[in-house]
Each structure stands twice: as C-alpha cells, then as structure tokens.
Amino acid sequence: MNDKIAGFALTKKVTEYDRHYNLLAHFFIMRKYRRSGVGKQAATLVIQKHSGEWELYQLERNVPAQQFWTHVIGEL
C-alpha cells in the first residue's frame, strides 16, 4: 500500500460493570478504495492491534456493511 489516506476507524475501550471490550464506533473506507482489499486489511489491523472482545454494529439498511463484516469476521 501507499501512504494515501483511504478512510478511518474510531475505536473505544469500554468498561461496563466487570466487562471490558473494544467498540468499533465508526469504520469508513472512501468509495474509490472499496472492493480493493483495503477495508479488509484495515479492519484486520485494527482488530489485531487491540486484544480482547469486540463489538460493532451496522445499520439495518446497510447490507454491504453487513456482508463486509460477516466476511472479515469469518476470516479472523
């Protein structure tokens, strides 16, 4: 990859009662970089960088995001 910005990921460490987990609050890849493997590579790096449990959500109407995350999580 080159040094161009293709998107961003915002994460947060959450503690609720006795539970600690990472929250993927926002994940965005610019349209011109989608379906090129950049999103999968970025998501994998973010998740592997922060150990522990993860939570993430997609909008119900965002079917491409649901398919993307099903694929990425399935490979992790």
Protein backbone atom coordinates (compact mmCIF):
# COMPACT_ATOMS: atom_id res chain seq x y z
CA MET A 1 0.00 0.00 0.00
CA ASN A 2 0.99 3.61 -0.36
CA ASP A 3 0.77 6.42 2.16
CA LYS A 4 -2.58 7.80 1.00
CA ILE A 5 -5.46 8.02 3.44
CA ALA A 6 -8.22 5.64 2.39
CA GLY A 7 -10.55 6.00 5.38
CA PHE A 8 -10.64 5.88 9.14
CA ALA A 9 -11.58 3.75 12.14
CA LEU A 10 -12.68 5.07 15.52
CA THR A 11 -12.40 2.67 18.42
CA LYS A 12 -13.10 2.95 22.11
CA LYS A 13 -12.21 0.82 25.10
CA VAL A 14 -15.37 0.25 27.14
CA THR A 15 -15.81 -0.90 30.71
CA GLU A 16 -19.30 -1.81 31.85
CA TYR A 17 -19.56 -3.39 35.27
CA ASP A 18 -17.00 -6.22 35.16
CA ARG A 19 -16.89 -6.41 31.37
CA HIS A 20 -14.12 -4.86 29.28
CA TYR A 21 -14.31 -4.73 25.49
CA ASN A 22 -13.36 -2.74 22.41
CA LEU A 23 -16.04 -0.91 20.46
CA LEU A 24 -15.61 -0.16 16.78
CA ALA A 25 -17.64 3.04 16.78
CA HIS A 26 -17.03 4.07 13.16
CA PHE A 27 -15.31 2.44 10.20
CA PHE A 28 -15.20 4.20 6.84
CA ILE A 29 -13.38 3.48 3.58
CA MET A 30 -13.58 6.01 0.74
CA ARG A 31 -15.61 4.77 -2.19
CA LYS A 32 -12.67 4.67 -4.61
CA TYR A 33 -10.81 2.24 -2.30
CA ARG A 34 -13.73 -0.09 -1.64
CA ARG A 35 -13.64 -3.65 -3.04
CA SER A 36 -9.84 -3.41 -3.35
CA GLY A 37 -8.93 -5.23 -0.13
CA VAL A 38 -8.02 -2.02 1.71
CA GLY A 39 -11.03 -2.22 4.03
CA LYS A 40 -10.37 -5.83 4.94
CA GLN A 41 -6.71 -5.10 5.58
CA ALA A 42 -7.53 -2.04 7.72
CA ALA A 43 -10.21 -3.85 9.71
CA THR A 44 -7.87 -6.77 10.38
CA LEU A 45 -5.07 -4.45 11.55
CA VAL A 46 -7.38 -2.53 13.88
CA ILE A 47 -8.85 -5.66 15.45
CA GLN A 48 -5.49 -7.37 15.85
CA LYS A 49 -3.90 -4.25 17.37
CA HIS A 50 -6.33 -4.24 20.30
CA SER A 51 -6.71 -7.61 22.01
CA GLY A 52 -9.87 -8.74 23.70
CA GLU A 53 -13.54 -8.79 22.86
CA TRP A 54 -15.03 -6.54 20.21
CA GLU A 55 -18.45 -5.09 19.49
CA LEU A 56 -19.53 -3.43 16.28
CA TYR A 57 -22.82 -2.51 14.75
CA GLN A 58 -24.10 -1.79 11.26
CA LEU A 59 -27.24 0.00 10.20
CA GLU A 60 -30.03 -2.44 9.35
CA ARG A 61 -30.36 -0.96 5.87
CA ASN A 62 -26.61 -1.11 5.16
CA VAL A 63 -26.47 -4.58 3.63
CA PRO A 64 -23.00 -4.08 2.06
CA ALA A 65 -21.56 -3.33 5.51
CA GLN A 66 -23.22 -6.43 6.95
CA GLN A 67 -21.74 -8.57 4.16
CA PHE A 68 -18.31 -6.97 4.61
CA TRP A 69 -18.19 -7.61 8.35
CA THR A 70 -19.56 -11.14 8.04
CA HIS A 71 -16.72 -11.88 5.62
CA VAL A 72 -13.98 -10.16 7.66
CA ILE A 73 -15.03 -11.66 11.00
CA GLY A 74 -15.38 -15.08 9.39
CA GLU A 75 -11.75 -14.94 8.28
CA LEU A 76 -10.46 -13.72 11.64
